[in-house]
Amino acid sequence: MTAIANLSLNEARPEDRVHLLIWDSPQSSELQDLAFRHNAERVDYRHHLLQRHRPNQRFLVLHHHLDRELAALKTLCQQASKPIILLEGFDCFITYLLSRPKSPISQLWTHLDQTRKLESRLWILLPPDLVPPTWDDQRQRRVTAS
């Protein structure tokens, strides 16, 4: 718990851009505590994706719809009830993209890096192995086991 007590998610700059919270295996109680401390809304990407998925579609083919997924993140920030969003489960999307031949993962990272004018601070929770080495250090925080 002491590792998350020192996090300052609400002081992330720039406010309107995507930030990464790098954490190998957070417990639900730790995430709940973090959300409470920072007045953050926890959002599960997988659950949100299933809510957006139309029943008549048989396949998600997410690698063909990067723009749609990025737009969904912006919409999430617009509709947030709290000033900070803690996005969990996004690692499944990244892992899916990495598993595809001719993966558009670098395109995703470029788009996430260039995304601006988000209405809430967006923190994407990821394990260390999925973080691109080129991501700006100023826009990431690491939680290490204590």
N, C-alpha and C. Protein backbone atom coordinates (compact mmCIF):
# COMPACT_ATOMS: atom_id res chain seq x y z
N MET A 1 0.81 -1.20 0.00
CA MET A 1 0.00 0.00 0.00
C MET A 1 0.85 1.26 0.00
N THR A 2 2.06 1.19 0.56
CA THR A 2 2.88 2.40 0.62
C THR A 2 3.32 2.85 -0.77
N ALA A 3 3.46 1.91 -1.70
CA ALA A 3 3.86 2.28 -3.07
C ALA A 3 2.79 3.15 -3.73
N ILE A 4 1.54 2.86 -3.49
CA ILE A 4 0.48 3.66 -4.12
C ILE A 4 0.19 4.93 -3.35
N ALA A 5 0.59 4.99 -2.10
CA ALA A 5 0.36 6.20 -1.31
C ALA A 5 1.15 7.38 -1.86
N ASN A 6 2.26 7.10 -2.52
CA ASN A 6 3.11 8.16 -3.05
C ASN A 6 2.79 8.54 -4.49
N LEU A 7 1.85 7.86 -5.11
CA LEU A 7 1.48 8.21 -6.49
C LEU A 7 0.70 9.52 -6.51
N SER A 8 0.92 10.29 -7.54
CA SER A 8 0.19 11.55 -7.69
C SER A 8 -0.49 11.59 -9.05
N LEU A 9 -1.51 10.78 -9.21
CA LEU A 9 -2.21 10.69 -10.49
C LEU A 9 -2.88 12.00 -10.88
N ASN A 10 -3.32 12.75 -9.89
CA ASN A 10 -4.04 13.99 -10.19
C ASN A 10 -3.11 15.14 -10.56
N GLU A 11 -1.82 14.93 -10.45
CA GLU A 11 -0.86 15.97 -10.82
C GLU A 11 -0.20 15.70 -12.17
N ALA A 12 -0.68 14.70 -12.88
CA ALA A 12 -0.08 14.33 -14.17
C ALA A 12 -0.23 15.46 -15.17
N ARG A 13 0.86 15.75 -15.86
CA ARG A 13 0.85 16.78 -16.90
C ARG A 13 1.41 16.20 -18.18
N PRO A 14 0.95 16.60 -19.31
CA PRO A 14 -0.24 17.42 -19.52
C PRO A 14 -1.51 16.65 -19.16
N GLU A 15 -2.49 17.40 -18.70
CA GLU A 15 -3.74 16.81 -18.19
C GLU A 15 -4.57 16.12 -19.27
N ASP A 16 -4.48 16.60 -20.49
CA ASP A 16 -5.38 16.14 -21.55
C ASP A 16 -4.79 15.03 -22.42
N ARG A 17 -3.76 14.35 -21.93
CA ARG A 17 -3.11 13.31 -22.71
C ARG A 17 -3.13 11.99 -21.97
N VAL A 18 -2.80 10.93 -22.69
CA VAL A 18 -2.79 9.58 -22.13
C VAL A 18 -1.54 9.39 -21.26
N HIS A 19 -1.75 8.77 -20.10
CA HIS A 19 -0.66 8.44 -19.19
C HIS A 19 -0.69 6.94 -18.92
N LEU A 20 0.47 6.38 -18.60
CA LEU A 20 0.57 4.95 -18.31
C LEU A 20 0.90 4.73 -16.84
N LEU A 21 0.15 3.83 -16.23
CA LEU A 21 0.44 3.39 -14.87
C LEU A 21 0.97 1.97 -14.99
N ILE A 22 2.25 1.82 -14.77
CA ILE A 22 2.93 0.55 -15.00
C ILE A 22 2.98 -0.22 -13.68
N TRP A 23 2.28 -1.35 -13.70
CA TRP A 23 2.10 -2.10 -12.46
C TRP A 23 1.94 -3.56 -12.84
N ASP A 24 2.81 -4.41 -12.31
CA ASP A 24 2.85 -5.79 -12.76
C ASP A 24 1.61 -6.60 -12.39
N SER A 25 1.23 -6.62 -11.15
CA SER A 25 0.07 -7.44 -10.78
C SER A 25 -0.67 -6.80 -9.61
N PRO A 26 -1.41 -5.75 -9.90
CA PRO A 26 -2.14 -5.08 -8.82
C PRO A 26 -3.31 -5.93 -8.31
N GLN A 27 -3.56 -5.81 -7.04
CA GLN A 27 -4.72 -6.46 -6.43
C GLN A 27 -5.92 -5.53 -6.57
N SER A 28 -7.09 -6.10 -6.63
CA SER A 28 -8.31 -5.30 -6.76
C SER A 28 -8.44 -4.30 -5.61
N SER A 29 -8.08 -4.73 -4.41
CA SER A 29 -8.18 -3.82 -3.26
C SER A 29 -7.23 -2.63 -3.39
N GLU A 30 -6.06 -2.86 -3.97
CA GLU A 30 -5.10 -1.77 -4.19
C GLU A 30 -5.64 -0.78 -5.22
N LEU A 31 -6.24 -1.31 -6.27
CA LEU A 31 -6.83 -0.44 -7.29
C LEU A 31 -8.00 0.35 -6.73
N GLN A 32 -8.79 -0.30 -5.89
CA GLN A 32 -9.92 0.38 -5.26
C GLN A 32 -9.42 1.51 -4.36
N ASP A 33 -8.38 1.24 -3.61
CA ASP A 33 -7.79 2.25 -2.73
C ASP A 33 -7.23 3.41 -3.55
N LEU A 34 -6.54 3.09 -4.63
CA LEU A 34 -5.98 4.12 -5.51
C LEU A 34 -7.09 4.99 -6.10
N ALA A 35 -8.14 4.36 -6.57
CA ALA A 35 -9.27 5.11 -7.13
C ALA A 35 -9.91 6.01 -6.08
N PHE A 36 -10.05 5.52 -4.88
CA PHE A 36 -10.64 6.31 -3.81
C PHE A 36 -9.76 7.51 -3.46
N ARG A 37 -8.46 7.28 -3.33
CA ARG A 37 -7.53 8.35 -2.95
C ARG A 37 -7.49 9.49 -3.97
N HIS A 38 -7.69 9.15 -5.25
CA HIS A 38 -7.53 10.15 -6.31
C HIS A 38 -8.85 10.53 -6.98
N ASN A 39 -9.95 10.12 -6.39
CA ASN A 39 -11.26 10.40 -6.97
C ASN A 39 -11.29 9.96 -8.44
N ALA A 40 -10.86 8.73 -8.66
CA ALA A 40 -10.77 8.18 -10.01
C ALA A 40 -11.89 7.16 -10.26
N GLU A 41 -12.26 7.07 -11.50
CA GLU A 41 -13.26 6.09 -11.93
C GLU A 41 -12.54 4.90 -12.53
N ARG A 42 -12.79 3.72 -12.00
CA ARG A 42 -12.21 2.50 -12.55
C ARG A 42 -13.07 2.03 -13.71
N VAL A 43 -12.42 1.79 -14.85
CA VAL A 43 -13.13 1.31 -16.03
C VAL A 43 -12.40 0.07 -16.53
N ASP A 44 -13.16 -0.99 -16.77
CA ASP A 44 -12.61 -2.23 -17.31
C ASP A 44 -12.78 -2.19 -18.83
N TYR A 45 -11.68 -2.18 -19.55
CA TYR A 45 -11.71 -2.11 -21.02
C TYR A 45 -12.51 -3.27 -21.62
N ARG A 46 -12.29 -4.47 -21.12
CA ARG A 46 -12.99 -5.64 -21.67
C ARG A 46 -14.50 -5.52 -21.51
N HIS A 47 -14.92 -5.10 -20.34
CA HIS A 47 -16.36 -4.92 -20.09
C HIS A 47 -16.92 -3.82 -20.99
N HIS A 48 -16.18 -2.74 -21.10
CA HIS A 48 -16.60 -1.62 -21.95
C HIS A 48 -16.68 -2.06 -23.41
N LEU A 49 -15.72 -2.86 -23.85
CA LEU A 49 -15.72 -3.37 -25.22
C LEU A 49 -16.95 -4.24 -25.48
N LEU A 50 -17.26 -5.12 -24.55
CA LEU A 50 -18.42 -5.99 -24.73
C LEU A 50 -19.73 -5.20 -24.74
N GLN A 51 -19.79 -4.11 -23.99
CA GLN A 51 -20.98 -3.26 -24.02
C GLN A 51 -21.15 -2.60 -25.38
N ARG A 52 -20.04 -2.26 -26.02
CA ARG A 52 -20.08 -1.59 -27.33
C ARG A 52 -20.28 -2.56 -28.48
N HIS A 53 -19.99 -3.82 -28.26
CA HIS A 53 -20.07 -4.84 -29.31
C HIS A 53 -21.53 -5.15 -29.64
N ARG A 54 -21.86 -5.05 -30.90
CA ARG A 54 -23.24 -5.35 -31.33
C ARG A 54 -23.44 -6.86 -31.42
N PRO A 55 -24.57 -7.35 -30.95
CA PRO A 55 -24.82 -8.81 -30.94
C PRO A 55 -24.79 -9.45 -32.32
N ASN A 56 -25.10 -8.69 -33.36
CA ASN A 56 -25.13 -9.27 -34.71
C ASN A 56 -23.73 -9.40 -35.32
N GLN A 57 -22.71 -8.87 -34.66
CA GLN A 57 -21.33 -9.01 -35.13
C GLN A 57 -20.74 -10.29 -34.54
N ARG A 58 -20.22 -11.15 -35.41
CA ARG A 58 -19.66 -12.40 -34.92
C ARG A 58 -18.24 -12.24 -34.41
N PHE A 59 -17.47 -11.32 -35.01
CA PHE A 59 -16.06 -11.18 -34.66
C PHE A 59 -15.75 -9.72 -34.34
N LEU A 60 -14.79 -9.52 -33.48
CA LEU A 60 -14.41 -8.16 -33.10
C LEU A 60 -13.43 -7.54 -34.09
N VAL A 61 -12.52 -8.32 -34.64
CA VAL A 61 -11.46 -7.86 -35.54
C VAL A 61 -10.94 -6.46 -35.16
N LEU A 62 -10.49 -6.35 -33.95
CA LEU A 62 -10.06 -5.07 -33.39
C LEU A 62 -8.90 -4.45 -34.16
N HIS A 63 -8.05 -5.28 -34.76
CA HIS A 63 -6.90 -4.75 -35.49
C HIS A 63 -7.31 -3.95 -36.71
N HIS A 64 -8.55 -4.10 -37.15
CA HIS A 64 -9.07 -3.31 -38.28
C HIS A 64 -9.79 -2.06 -37.80
N HIS A 65 -9.92 -1.89 -36.51
CA HIS A 65 -10.72 -0.78 -35.97
C HIS A 65 -9.99 0.02 -34.90
N LEU A 66 -8.73 0.34 -35.14
CA LEU A 66 -7.97 1.13 -34.17
C LEU A 66 -8.63 2.48 -33.93
N ASP A 67 -9.08 3.12 -35.01
CA ASP A 67 -9.71 4.44 -34.87
C ASP A 67 -10.95 4.37 -33.99
N ARG A 68 -11.72 3.30 -34.13
CA ARG A 68 -12.92 3.13 -33.32
C ARG A 68 -12.56 2.97 -31.84
N GLU A 69 -11.51 2.21 -31.57
CA GLU A 69 -11.09 1.99 -30.18
C GLU A 69 -10.54 3.28 -29.57
N LEU A 70 -9.79 4.04 -30.35
CA LEU A 70 -9.28 5.33 -29.85
C LEU A 70 -10.42 6.31 -29.61
N ALA A 71 -11.40 6.31 -30.50
CA ALA A 71 -12.58 7.17 -30.31
C ALA A 71 -13.34 6.76 -29.06
N ALA A 72 -13.38 5.46 -28.79
CA ALA A 72 -14.06 4.97 -27.58
C ALA A 72 -13.36 5.47 -26.32
N LEU A 73 -12.03 5.56 -26.36
CA LEU A 73 -11.30 6.09 -25.21
C LEU A 73 -11.63 7.56 -24.99
N LYS A 74 -11.71 8.32 -26.08
CA LYS A 74 -12.07 9.74 -25.96
C LYS A 74 -13.48 9.89 -25.40
N THR A 75 -14.39 9.07 -25.88
CA THR A 75 -15.77 9.11 -25.40
C THR A 75 -15.83 8.76 -23.92
N LEU A 76 -15.05 7.78 -23.53
CA LEU A 76 -14.97 7.41 -22.12
C LEU A 76 -14.58 8.60 -21.27
N CYS A 77 -13.61 9.37 -21.75
CA CYS A 77 -13.15 10.55 -21.01
C CYS A 77 -14.21 11.64 -20.99
N GLN A 78 -15.00 11.74 -22.04
CA GLN A 78 -16.07 12.74 -22.10
C GLN A 78 -17.19 12.39 -21.13
N GLN A 79 -17.48 11.12 -21.00
CA GLN A 79 -18.62 10.68 -20.21
C GLN A 79 -18.26 10.34 -18.76
N ALA A 80 -17.02 10.53 -18.40
CA ALA A 80 -16.58 10.16 -17.05
C ALA A 80 -17.26 11.02 -15.99
N SER A 81 -17.56 10.39 -14.89
CA SER A 81 -18.18 11.12 -13.78
C SER A 81 -17.14 11.65 -12.80
N LYS A 82 -15.89 11.28 -13.01
CA LYS A 82 -14.80 11.71 -12.12
C LYS A 82 -13.67 12.29 -12.97
N PRO A 83 -12.77 13.06 -12.36
CA PRO A 83 -11.72 13.74 -13.13
C PRO A 83 -10.61 12.83 -13.65
N ILE A 84 -10.50 11.63 -13.10
CA ILE A 84 -9.45 10.69 -13.50
C ILE A 84 -10.09 9.36 -13.86
N ILE A 85 -9.61 8.77 -14.95
CA ILE A 85 -10.05 7.42 -15.33
C ILE A 85 -8.86 6.49 -15.20
N LEU A 86 -9.08 5.39 -14.51
CA LEU A 86 -8.09 4.33 -14.37
C LEU A 86 -8.57 3.17 -15.24
N LEU A 87 -7.96 3.02 -16.42
CA LEU A 87 -8.40 2.02 -17.39
C LEU A 87 -7.66 0.71 -17.17
N GLU A 88 -8.41 -0.29 -16.79
CA GLU A 88 -7.87 -1.63 -16.54
C GLU A 88 -8.21 -2.52 -17.73
N GLY A 89 -7.44 -3.58 -17.93
CA GLY A 89 -7.75 -4.56 -18.95
C GLY A 89 -7.35 -4.18 -20.36
N PHE A 90 -6.70 -3.04 -20.53
CA PHE A 90 -6.27 -2.61 -21.88
C PHE A 90 -5.14 -3.50 -22.38
N ASP A 91 -4.49 -4.20 -21.47
CA ASP A 91 -3.42 -5.12 -21.86
C ASP A 91 -3.93 -6.23 -22.77
N CYS A 92 -5.20 -6.60 -22.65
CA CYS A 92 -5.75 -7.64 -23.53
C CYS A 92 -5.81 -7.14 -24.98
N PHE A 93 -6.12 -5.86 -25.17
CA PHE A 93 -6.14 -5.26 -26.51
C PHE A 93 -4.73 -5.22 -27.09
N ILE A 94 -3.77 -4.79 -26.30
CA ILE A 94 -2.39 -4.72 -26.77
C ILE A 94 -1.86 -6.11 -27.09
N THR A 95 -2.13 -7.08 -26.23
CA THR A 95 -1.69 -8.45 -26.47
C THR A 95 -2.33 -9.00 -27.74
N TYR A 96 -3.60 -8.71 -27.94
CA TYR A 96 -4.28 -9.13 -29.17
C TYR A 96 -3.57 -8.54 -30.39
N LEU A 97 -3.28 -7.25 -30.35
CA LEU A 97 -2.61 -6.62 -31.49
C LEU A 97 -1.23 -7.22 -31.73
N LEU A 98 -0.51 -7.50 -30.67
CA LEU A 98 0.82 -8.10 -30.81
C LEU A 98 0.77 -9.50 -31.41
N SER A 99 -0.33 -10.18 -31.24
CA SER A 99 -0.46 -11.55 -31.76
C SER A 99 -0.82 -11.58 -33.24
N ARG A 100 -1.17 -10.46 -33.81
CA ARG A 100 -1.59 -10.40 -35.21
C ARG A 100 -0.38 -10.31 -36.14
N PRO A 101 -0.45 -11.00 -37.29
CA PRO A 101 0.59 -10.77 -38.29
C PRO A 101 0.50 -9.32 -38.78
N LYS A 102 1.62 -8.72 -39.05
CA LYS A 102 1.66 -7.31 -39.47
C LYS A 102 0.93 -6.44 -38.45
N SER A 103 1.26 -6.64 -37.22
CA SER A 103 0.60 -5.97 -36.10
C SER A 103 0.62 -4.45 -36.23
N PRO A 104 -0.52 -3.82 -36.00
CA PRO A 104 -0.57 -2.35 -36.02
C PRO A 104 -0.23 -1.73 -34.66
N ILE A 105 0.56 -2.42 -33.85
CA ILE A 105 0.84 -1.94 -32.49
C ILE A 105 1.58 -0.61 -32.49
N SER A 106 2.53 -0.43 -33.41
CA SER A 106 3.26 0.85 -33.43
C SER A 106 2.32 1.99 -33.81
N GLN A 107 1.36 1.69 -34.67
CA GLN A 107 0.36 2.70 -35.03
C GLN A 107 -0.49 3.06 -33.80
N LEU A 108 -0.87 2.06 -33.02
CA LEU A 108 -1.64 2.32 -31.80
C LEU A 108 -0.85 3.22 -30.84
N TRP A 109 0.41 2.88 -30.60
CA TRP A 109 1.21 3.68 -29.68
C TRP A 109 1.39 5.10 -30.18
N THR A 110 1.57 5.26 -31.48
CA THR A 110 1.69 6.61 -32.06
C THR A 110 0.42 7.39 -31.83
N HIS A 111 -0.72 6.77 -32.09
CA HIS A 111 -2.01 7.46 -31.90
C HIS A 111 -2.24 7.80 -30.42
N LEU A 112 -1.93 6.86 -29.53
CA LEU A 112 -2.10 7.14 -28.10
C LEU A 112 -1.19 8.28 -27.66
N ASP A 113 0.03 8.28 -28.16
CA ASP A 113 0.98 9.33 -27.81
C ASP A 113 0.51 10.70 -28.30
N GLN A 114 -0.13 10.73 -29.46
CA GLN A 114 -0.55 12.00 -30.06
C GLN A 114 -1.96 12.43 -29.66
N THR A 115 -2.66 11.59 -28.93
CA THR A 115 -4.02 11.94 -28.51
C THR A 115 -3.97 13.10 -27.53
N ARG A 116 -4.82 14.09 -27.83
CA ARG A 116 -4.87 15.29 -26.99
C ARG A 116 -6.32 15.68 -26.74
N LYS A 117 -6.48 16.65 -25.86
CA LYS A 117 -7.79 17.22 -25.55
C LYS A 117 -8.74 16.22 -24.93
N LEU A 118 -8.21 15.31 -24.11
CA LEU A 118 -9.06 14.41 -23.36
C LEU A 118 -9.68 15.20 -22.21
N GLU A 119 -10.94 14.95 -21.94
CA GLU A 119 -11.65 15.72 -20.92
C GLU A 119 -11.40 15.23 -19.49
N SER A 120 -10.82 14.07 -19.35
CA SER A 120 -10.42 13.53 -18.04
C SER A 120 -8.99 13.02 -18.17
N ARG A 121 -8.30 12.97 -17.06
CA ARG A 121 -6.96 12.37 -17.09
C ARG A 121 -7.14 10.87 -17.27
N LEU A 122 -6.54 10.34 -18.31
CA LEU A 122 -6.65 8.92 -18.61
C LEU A 122 -5.36 8.21 -18.24
N TRP A 123 -5.47 7.29 -17.28
CA TRP A 123 -4.35 6.46 -16.87
C TRP A 123 -4.64 5.03 -17.33
N ILE A 124 -3.79 4.51 -18.21
CA ILE A 124 -3.93 3.14 -18.69
C ILE A 124 -3.01 2.25 -17.85
N LEU A 125 -3.59 1.28 -17.21
CA LEU A 125 -2.86 0.35 -16.36
C LEU A 125 -2.28 -0.77 -17.22
N LEU A 126 -0.95 -0.94 -17.17
CA LEU A 126 -0.28 -1.96 -17.98
C LEU A 126 0.84 -2.64 -17.20
N PRO A 127 1.10 -3.91 -17.53
CA PRO A 127 2.28 -4.57 -16.96
C PRO A 127 3.54 -4.03 -17.67
N PRO A 128 4.68 -4.08 -17.02
CA PRO A 128 5.91 -3.51 -17.59
C PRO A 128 6.29 -4.04 -18.98
N ASP A 129 6.03 -5.30 -19.24
CA ASP A 129 6.43 -5.90 -20.52
C ASP A 129 5.70 -5.32 -21.72
N LEU A 130 4.58 -4.67 -21.51
CA LEU A 130 3.80 -4.15 -22.63
C LEU A 130 4.02 -2.66 -22.89
N VAL A 131 4.82 -2.02 -22.09
CA VAL A 131 5.06 -0.58 -22.24
C VAL A 131 6.13 -0.36 -23.31
N PRO A 132 5.84 0.50 -24.28
CA PRO A 132 6.85 0.75 -25.32
C PRO A 132 8.03 1.54 -24.74
N PRO A 133 9.24 1.22 -25.16
CA PRO A 133 10.41 1.91 -24.62
C PRO A 133 10.46 3.39 -25.00
N THR A 134 9.70 3.78 -25.99
CA THR A 134 9.72 5.17 -26.45
C THR A 134 8.71 6.06 -25.73
N TRP A 135 7.92 5.49 -24.83
CA TRP A 135 6.89 6.29 -24.15
C TRP A 135 7.55 7.32 -23.24
N ASP A 136 7.06 8.53 -23.27
CA ASP A 136 7.59 9.65 -22.50
C ASP A 136 7.59 9.34 -20.99
N ASP A 137 8.75 9.44 -20.37
CA ASP A 137 8.87 9.16 -18.93
C ASP A 137 8.01 10.09 -18.08
N GLN A 138 7.76 11.28 -18.57
CA GLN A 138 6.95 12.25 -17.82
C GLN A 138 5.48 11.84 -17.77
N ARG A 139 5.09 10.93 -18.65
CA ARG A 139 3.69 10.52 -18.74
C ARG A 139 3.49 9.07 -18.29
N GLN A 140 4.33 8.63 -17.38
CA GLN A 140 4.18 7.29 -16.83
C GLN A 140 4.62 7.27 -15.37
N ARG A 141 4.00 6.37 -14.63
CA ARG A 141 4.37 6.13 -13.24
C ARG A 141 4.50 4.62 -13.07
N ARG A 142 5.48 4.22 -12.28
CA ARG A 142 5.69 2.80 -12.02
C ARG A 142 5.38 2.48 -10.56
N VAL A 143 4.67 1.40 -10.38
CA VAL A 143 4.41 0.91 -9.03
C VAL A 143 5.21 -0.37 -8.88
N THR A 144 6.07 -0.38 -7.90
CA THR A 144 6.89 -1.56 -7.65
C THR A 144 6.42 -2.23 -6.37
N ALA A 145 6.62 -3.51 -6.30
CA ALA A 145 6.21 -4.26 -5.11
C ALA A 145 7.00 -3.77 -3.91
N SER A 146 6.29 -3.63 -2.81
CA SER A 146 6.98 -3.13 -1.61
C SER A 146 7.24 -4.23 -0.61
